[in-house]
Amino acid sequence: GEVMVKEFIRRSMNQVELKSLNPDC
């Protein structure tokens, strides 16, 4: 149920990598 706004970096078979917009997060 968590909703987040991120920058999409890459997606593989095992994981999705998202970059935070706030440098402190």
PDB file of all heavy atoms in Angstrom:
ATOM      1  N   GLY A   1       0.781  -1.227   0.000  1.00  0.00           N
ATOM      2  CA  GLY A   1       0.000   0.000   0.000  1.00  0.00           C
ATOM      3  C   GLY A   1       0.809   1.270   0.000  1.00  0.00           C
ATOM      4  O   GLY A   1       0.247   2.372  -0.082  1.00  0.00           O
ATOM      5  N   GLU A   2       2.117   1.180   0.083  1.00  0.00           N
ATOM      6  CA  GLU A   2       2.952   2.377   0.070  1.00  0.00           C
ATOM      7  C   GLU A   2       2.990   2.982  -1.332  1.00  0.00           C
ATOM      8  O   GLU A   2       3.095   2.265  -2.328  1.00  0.00           O
ATOM      9  CB  GLU A   2       4.374   2.040   0.522  1.00  0.00           C
ATOM     10  CG  GLU A   2       5.294   3.257   0.584  1.00  0.00           C
ATOM     11  CD  GLU A   2       6.707   2.917   1.007  1.00  0.00           C
ATOM     12  OE1 GLU A   2       7.010   1.709   1.186  1.00  0.00           O
ATOM     13  OE2 GLU A   2       7.521   3.847   1.165  1.00  0.00           O
ATOM     14  N   VAL A   3       2.880   4.302  -1.408  1.00  0.00           N
ATOM     15  CA  VAL A   3       2.969   5.012  -2.687  1.00  0.00           C
ATOM     16  C   VAL A   3       4.177   5.936  -2.644  1.00  0.00           C
ATOM     17  O   VAL A   3       4.368   6.675  -1.676  1.00  0.00           O
ATOM     18  CB  VAL A   3       1.691   5.824  -2.971  1.00  0.00           C
ATOM     19  CG1 VAL A   3       1.882   6.712  -4.196  1.00  0.00           C
ATOM     20  CG2 VAL A   3       0.510   4.893  -3.188  1.00  0.00           C
ATOM     21  N   MET A   4       5.008   5.871  -3.672  1.00  0.00           N
ATOM     22  CA  MET A   4       6.225   6.684  -3.705  1.00  0.00           C
ATOM     23  C   MET A   4       6.433   7.266  -5.092  1.00  0.00           C
ATOM     24  O   MET A   4       5.992   6.706  -6.100  1.00  0.00           O
ATOM     25  CB  MET A   4       7.434   5.835  -3.293  1.00  0.00           C
ATOM     26  CG  MET A   4       7.703   4.649  -4.193  1.00  0.00           C
ATOM     27  SD  MET A   4       8.995   3.527  -3.543  1.00  0.00           S
ATOM     28  CE  MET A   4       8.044   2.625  -2.303  1.00  0.00           C
ATOM     29  N   VAL A   5       7.078   8.411  -5.115  1.00  0.00           N
ATOM     30  CA  VAL A   5       7.457   9.058  -6.375  1.00  0.00           C
ATOM     31  C   VAL A   5       8.980   9.009  -6.460  1.00  0.00           C
ATOM     32  O   VAL A   5       9.674   9.575  -5.616  1.00  0.00           O
ATOM     33  CB  VAL A   5       6.972  10.509  -6.438  1.00  0.00           C
ATOM     34  CG1 VAL A   5       7.301  11.108  -7.804  1.00  0.00           C
ATOM     35  CG2 VAL A   5       5.489  10.596  -6.155  1.00  0.00           C
ATOM     36  N   LYS A   6       9.490   8.331  -7.476  1.00  0.00           N
ATOM     37  CA  LYS A   6      10.925   8.133  -7.618  1.00  0.00           C
ATOM     38  C   LYS A   6      11.333   8.289  -9.083  1.00  0.00           C
ATOM     39  O   LYS A   6      10.497   8.425  -9.976  1.00  0.00           O
ATOM     40  CB  LYS A   6      11.329   6.733  -7.132  1.00  0.00           C
ATOM     41  CG  LYS A   6      10.894   6.382  -5.712  1.00  0.00           C
ATOM     42  CD  LYS A   6      11.692   7.127  -4.665  1.00  0.00           C
ATOM     43  CE  LYS A   6      11.292   6.688  -3.263  1.00  0.00           C
ATOM     44  NZ  LYS A   6      12.015   7.454  -2.216  1.00  0.00           N
ATOM     45  N   GLU A   7      12.628   8.225  -9.315  1.00  0.00           N
ATOM     46  CA  GLU A   7      13.163   8.173 -10.676  1.00  0.00           C
ATOM     47  C   GLU A   7      13.477   6.719 -11.019  1.00  0.00           C
ATOM     48  O   GLU A   7      14.154   6.035 -10.264  1.00  0.00           O
ATOM     49  CB  GLU A   7      14.428   9.017 -10.794  1.00  0.00           C
ATOM     50  CG  GLU A   7      15.042   8.995 -12.196  1.00  0.00           C
ATOM     51  CD  GLU A   7      16.307   9.828 -12.291  1.00  0.00           C
ATOM     52  OE1 GLU A   7      16.417  10.816 -11.540  1.00  0.00           O
ATOM     53  OE2 GLU A   7      17.183   9.471 -13.103  1.00  0.00           O
ATOM     54  N   PHE A   8      12.944   6.273 -12.147  1.00  0.00           N
ATOM     55  CA  PHE A   8      13.159   4.890 -12.572  1.00  0.00           C
ATOM     56  C   PHE A   8      14.579   4.735 -13.117  1.00  0.00           C
ATOM     57  O   PHE A   8      15.002   5.481 -14.000  1.00  0.00           O
ATOM     58  CB  PHE A   8      12.139   4.502 -13.648  1.00  0.00           C
ATOM     59  CG  PHE A   8      12.287   3.095 -14.150  1.00  0.00           C
ATOM     60  CD1 PHE A   8      11.757   2.028 -13.440  1.00  0.00           C
ATOM     61  CD2 PHE A   8      12.948   2.836 -15.339  1.00  0.00           C
ATOM     62  CE1 PHE A   8      11.899   0.732 -13.908  1.00  0.00           C
ATOM     63  CE2 PHE A   8      13.087   1.545 -15.817  1.00  0.00           C
ATOM     64  CZ  PHE A   8      12.555   0.490 -15.091  1.00  0.00           C
ATOM     65  N   ILE A   9      15.309   3.765 -12.574  1.00  0.00           N
ATOM     66  CA  ILE A   9      16.674   3.517 -13.020  1.00  0.00           C
ATOM     67  C   ILE A   9      16.761   2.279 -13.904  1.00  0.00           C
ATOM     68  O   ILE A   9      17.189   2.347 -15.045  1.00  0.00           O
ATOM     69  CB  ILE A   9      17.628   3.363 -11.815  1.00  0.00           C
ATOM     70  CG1 ILE A   9      17.579   4.633 -10.945  1.00  0.00           C
ATOM     71  CG2 ILE A   9      19.059   3.107 -12.292  1.00  0.00           C
ATOM     72  CD1 ILE A   9      17.966   5.896 -11.667  1.00  0.00           C
ATOM     73  N   ARG A  10      16.347   1.138 -13.365  1.00  0.00           N
ATOM     74  CA  ARG A  10      16.390  -0.083 -14.182  1.00  0.00           C
ATOM     75  C   ARG A  10      15.501  -1.147 -13.565  1.00  0.00           C
ATOM     76  O   ARG A  10      15.141  -1.091 -12.392  1.00  0.00           O
ATOM     77  CB  ARG A  10      17.819  -0.606 -14.311  1.00  0.00           C
ATOM     78  CG  ARG A  10      18.477  -1.014 -13.010  1.00  0.00           C
ATOM     79  CD  ARG A  10      19.867  -1.600 -13.258  1.00  0.00           C
ATOM     80  NE  ARG A  10      20.741  -0.638 -13.900  1.00  0.00           N
ATOM     81  CZ  ARG A  10      21.446   0.266 -13.238  1.00  0.00           C
ATOM     82  NH1 ARG A  10      21.361   0.335 -11.913  1.00  0.00           N
ATOM     83  NH2 ARG A  10      22.228   1.106 -13.860  1.00  0.00           N
ATOM     84  N   ARG A  11      15.174  -2.117 -14.406  1.00  0.00           N
ATOM     85  CA  ARG A  11      14.371  -3.257 -13.963  1.00  0.00           C
ATOM     86  C   ARG A  11      15.001  -4.531 -14.500  1.00  0.00           C
ATOM     87  O   ARG A  11      15.342  -4.627 -15.676  1.00  0.00           O
ATOM     88  CB  ARG A  11      12.937  -3.125 -14.485  1.00  0.00           C
ATOM     89  CG  ARG A  11      12.002  -4.245 -14.007  1.00  0.00           C
ATOM     90  CD  ARG A  11      10.631  -4.121 -14.656  1.00  0.00           C
ATOM     91  NE  ARG A  11       9.690  -5.055 -14.058  1.00  0.00           N
ATOM     92  CZ  ARG A  11       8.584  -4.718 -13.435  1.00  0.00           C
ATOM     93  NH1 ARG A  11       8.271  -3.432 -13.319  1.00  0.00           N
ATOM     94  NH2 ARG A  11       7.779  -5.616 -12.923  1.00  0.00           N
ATOM     95  N   SER A  12      15.156  -5.522 -13.634  1.00  0.00           N
ATOM     96  CA  SER A  12      15.677  -6.824 -14.027  1.00  0.00           C
ATOM     97  C   SER A  12      14.669  -7.887 -13.620  1.00  0.00           C
ATOM     98  O   SER A  12      13.586  -7.580 -13.125  1.00  0.00           O
ATOM     99  CB  SER A  12      17.030  -7.086 -13.351  1.00  0.00           C
ATOM    100  OG  SER A  12      16.865  -7.222 -11.946  1.00  0.00           O
ATOM    101  N   MET A  13      15.033  -9.130 -13.807  1.00  0.00           N
ATOM    102  CA  MET A  13      14.147 -10.223 -13.425  1.00  0.00           C
ATOM    103  C   MET A  13      13.920 -10.256 -11.917  1.00  0.00           C
ATOM    104  O   MET A  13      12.859 -10.669 -11.440  1.00  0.00           O
ATOM    105  CB  MET A  13      14.743 -11.562 -13.870  1.00  0.00           C
ATOM    106  CG  MET A  13      14.781 -11.748 -15.370  1.00  0.00           C
ATOM    107  SD  MET A  13      13.134 -12.037 -16.059  1.00  0.00           S
ATOM    108  CE  MET A  13      12.796 -13.669 -15.375  1.00  0.00           C
ATOM    109  N   ASN A  14      14.913  -9.770 -11.166  1.00  0.00           N
ATOM    110  CA  ASN A  14      14.864  -9.924  -9.708  1.00  0.00           C
ATOM    111  C   ASN A  14      14.589  -8.656  -8.928  1.00  0.00           C
ATOM    112  O   ASN A  14      14.185  -8.721  -7.769  1.00  0.00           O
ATOM    113  CB  ASN A  14      16.187 -10.520  -9.214  1.00  0.00           C
ATOM    114  CG  ASN A  14      16.466 -11.894  -9.809  1.00  0.00           C
ATOM    115  OD1 ASN A  14      15.566 -12.719  -9.886  1.00  0.00           O
ATOM    116  ND2 ASN A  14      17.698 -12.116 -10.232  1.00  0.00           N
ATOM    117  N   GLN A  15      14.814  -7.478  -9.546  1.00  0.00           N
ATOM    118  CA  GLN A  15      14.595  -6.263  -8.777  1.00  0.00           C
ATOM    119  C   GLN A  15      14.335  -5.048  -9.666  1.00  0.00           C
ATOM    120  O   GLN A  15      14.678  -5.038 -10.849  1.00  0.00           O
ATOM    121  CB  GLN A  15      15.784  -5.973  -7.864  1.00  0.00           C
ATOM    122  CG  GLN A  15      17.067  -5.622  -8.580  1.00  0.00           C
ATOM    123  CD  GLN A  15      18.226  -5.356  -7.612  1.00  0.00           C
ATOM    124  OE1 GLN A  15      18.200  -5.774  -6.472  1.00  0.00           O
ATOM    125  NE2 GLN A  15      19.242  -4.652  -8.090  1.00  0.00           N
ATOM    126  N   VAL A  16      13.726  -4.056  -9.047  1.00  0.00           N
ATOM    127  CA  VAL A  16      13.485  -2.764  -9.693  1.00  0.00           C
ATOM    128  C   VAL A  16      14.214  -1.713  -8.872  1.00  0.00           C
ATOM    129  O   VAL A  16      14.060  -1.646  -7.651  1.00  0.00           O
ATOM    130  CB  VAL A  16      11.974  -2.443  -9.741  1.00  0.00           C
ATOM    131  CG1 VAL A  16      11.756  -1.043 -10.303  1.00  0.00           C
ATOM    132  CG2 VAL A  16      11.238  -3.482 -10.579  1.00  0.00           C
ATOM    133  N   GLU A  17      15.037  -0.919  -9.546  1.00  0.00           N
ATOM    134  CA  GLU A  17      15.835   0.095  -8.861  1.00  0.00           C
ATOM    135  C   GLU A  17      15.221   1.470  -9.086  1.00  0.00           C
ATOM    136  O   GLU A  17      14.995   1.886 -10.220  1.00  0.00           O
ATOM    137  CB  GLU A  17      17.274   0.074  -9.376  1.00  0.00           C
ATOM    138  CG  GLU A  17      18.196   1.052  -8.664  1.00  0.00           C
ATOM    139  CD  GLU A  17      19.625   0.978  -9.154  1.00  0.00           C
ATOM    140  OE1 GLU A  17      19.951   0.009  -9.883  1.00  0.00           O
ATOM    141  OE2 GLU A  17      20.412   1.891  -8.816  1.00  0.00           O
ATOM    142  N   LEU A  18      14.959   2.184  -7.988  1.00  0.00           N
ATOM    143  CA  LEU A  18      14.363   3.509  -8.039  1.00  0.00           C
ATOM    144  C   LEU A  18      15.244   4.488  -7.269  1.00  0.00           C
ATOM    145  O   LEU A  18      15.713   4.178  -6.177  1.00  0.00           O
ATOM    146  CB  LEU A  18      12.959   3.497  -7.429  1.00  0.00           C
ATOM    147  CG  LEU A  18      11.945   2.525  -8.053  1.00  0.00           C
ATOM    148  CD1 LEU A  18      10.667   2.499  -7.229  1.00  0.00           C
ATOM    149  CD2 LEU A  18      11.640   2.904  -9.495  1.00  0.00           C
ATOM    150  N   LYS A  19      15.440   5.667  -7.841  1.00  0.00           N
ATOM    151  CA  LYS A  19      16.272   6.690  -7.210  1.00  0.00           C
ATOM    152  C   LYS A  19      15.390   7.731  -6.545  1.00  0.00           C
ATOM    153  O   LYS A  19      14.431   8.231  -7.151  1.00  0.00           O
ATOM    154  CB  LYS A  19      17.168   7.365  -8.252  1.00  0.00           C
ATOM    155  CG  LYS A  19      18.084   8.431  -7.688  1.00  0.00           C
ATOM    156  CD  LYS A  19      18.942   9.049  -8.786  1.00  0.00           C
ATOM    157  CE  LYS A  19      19.845  10.138  -8.239  1.00  0.00           C
ATOM    158  NZ  LYS A  19      20.681  10.744  -9.307  1.00  0.00           N
ATOM    159  N   SER A  20      15.697   8.092  -5.311  1.00  0.00           N
ATOM    160  CA  SER A  20      14.921   9.095  -4.585  1.00  0.00           C
ATOM    161  C   SER A  20      15.169  10.485  -5.155  1.00  0.00           C
ATOM    162  O   SER A  20      16.285  10.814  -5.568  1.00  0.00           O
ATOM    163  CB  SER A  20      15.272   9.073  -3.098  1.00  0.00           C
ATOM    164  OG  SER A  20      14.813   7.879  -2.494  1.00  0.00           O
ATOM    165  N   LEU A  21      14.122  11.305  -5.178  1.00  0.00           N
ATOM    166  CA  LEU A  21      14.233  12.668  -5.685  1.00  0.00           C
ATOM    167  C   LEU A  21      14.884  13.583  -4.654  1.00  0.00           C
ATOM    168  O   LEU A  21      15.548  14.553  -5.006  1.00  0.00           O
ATOM    169  CB  LEU A  21      12.848  13.202  -6.058  1.00  0.00           C
ATOM    170  CG  LEU A  21      12.040  12.346  -7.040  1.00  0.00           C
ATOM    171  CD1 LEU A  21      10.731  13.027  -7.379  1.00  0.00           C
ATOM    172  CD2 LEU A  21      12.832  12.074  -8.310  1.00  0.00           C
ATOM    173  N   ASN A  22      14.667  13.272  -3.386  1.00  0.00           N
ATOM    174  CA  ASN A  22      15.272  14.044  -2.304  1.00  0.00           C
ATOM    175  C   ASN A  22      16.626  13.433  -1.968  1.00  0.00           C
ATOM    176  O   ASN A  22      16.709  12.259  -1.613  1.00  0.00           O
ATOM    177  CB  ASN A  22      14.350  14.005  -1.075  1.00  0.00           C
ATOM    178  CG  ASN A  22      14.826  14.915   0.043  1.00  0.00           C
ATOM    179  OD1 ASN A  22      16.017  15.097   0.244  1.00  0.00           O
ATOM    180  ND2 ASN A  22      13.886  15.487   0.781  1.00  0.00           N
ATOM    181  N   PRO A  23      17.713  14.184  -2.091  1.00  0.00           N
ATOM    182  CA  PRO A  23      19.050  13.624  -1.842  1.00  0.00           C
ATOM    183  C   PRO A  23      19.245  13.122  -0.414  1.00  0.00           C
ATOM    184  O   PRO A  23      20.168  12.354  -0.151  1.00  0.00           O
ATOM    185  CB  PRO A  23      19.988  14.794  -2.157  1.00  0.00           C
ATOM    186  CG  PRO A  23      19.139  16.015  -2.036  1.00  0.00           C
ATOM    187  CD  PRO A  23      17.770  15.605  -2.470  1.00  0.00           C
ATOM    188  N   ASP A  24      18.366  13.537   0.499  1.00  0.00           N
ATOM    189  CA  ASP A  24      18.481  13.085   1.885  1.00  0.00           C
ATOM    190  C   ASP A  24      17.788  11.745   2.127  1.00  0.00           C
ATOM    191  O   ASP A  24      17.898  11.177   3.220  1.00  0.00           O
ATOM    192  CB  ASP A  24      17.880  14.132   2.837  1.00  0.00           C
ATOM    193  CG  ASP A  24      18.669  15.431   2.827  1.00  0.00           C
ATOM    194  OD1 ASP A  24      19.896  15.372   2.597  1.00  0.00           O
ATOM    195  OD2 ASP A  24      18.058  16.496   3.040  1.00  0.00           O
ATOM    196  N   CYS A  25      17.071  11.254   1.119  1.00  0.00           N
ATOM    197  CA  CYS A  25      16.349   9.984   1.255  1.00  0.00           C
ATOM    198  C   CYS A  25      17.095   8.872   0.513  1.00  0.00           C
ATOM    199  O   CYS A  25      17.773   9.123  -0.488  1.00  0.00           O
ATOM    200  CB  CYS A  25      14.927  10.108   0.705  1.00  0.00           C
ATOM    201  SG  CYS A  25      13.894  11.278   1.604  1.00  0.00           S
TER     202      CYS A  25
END
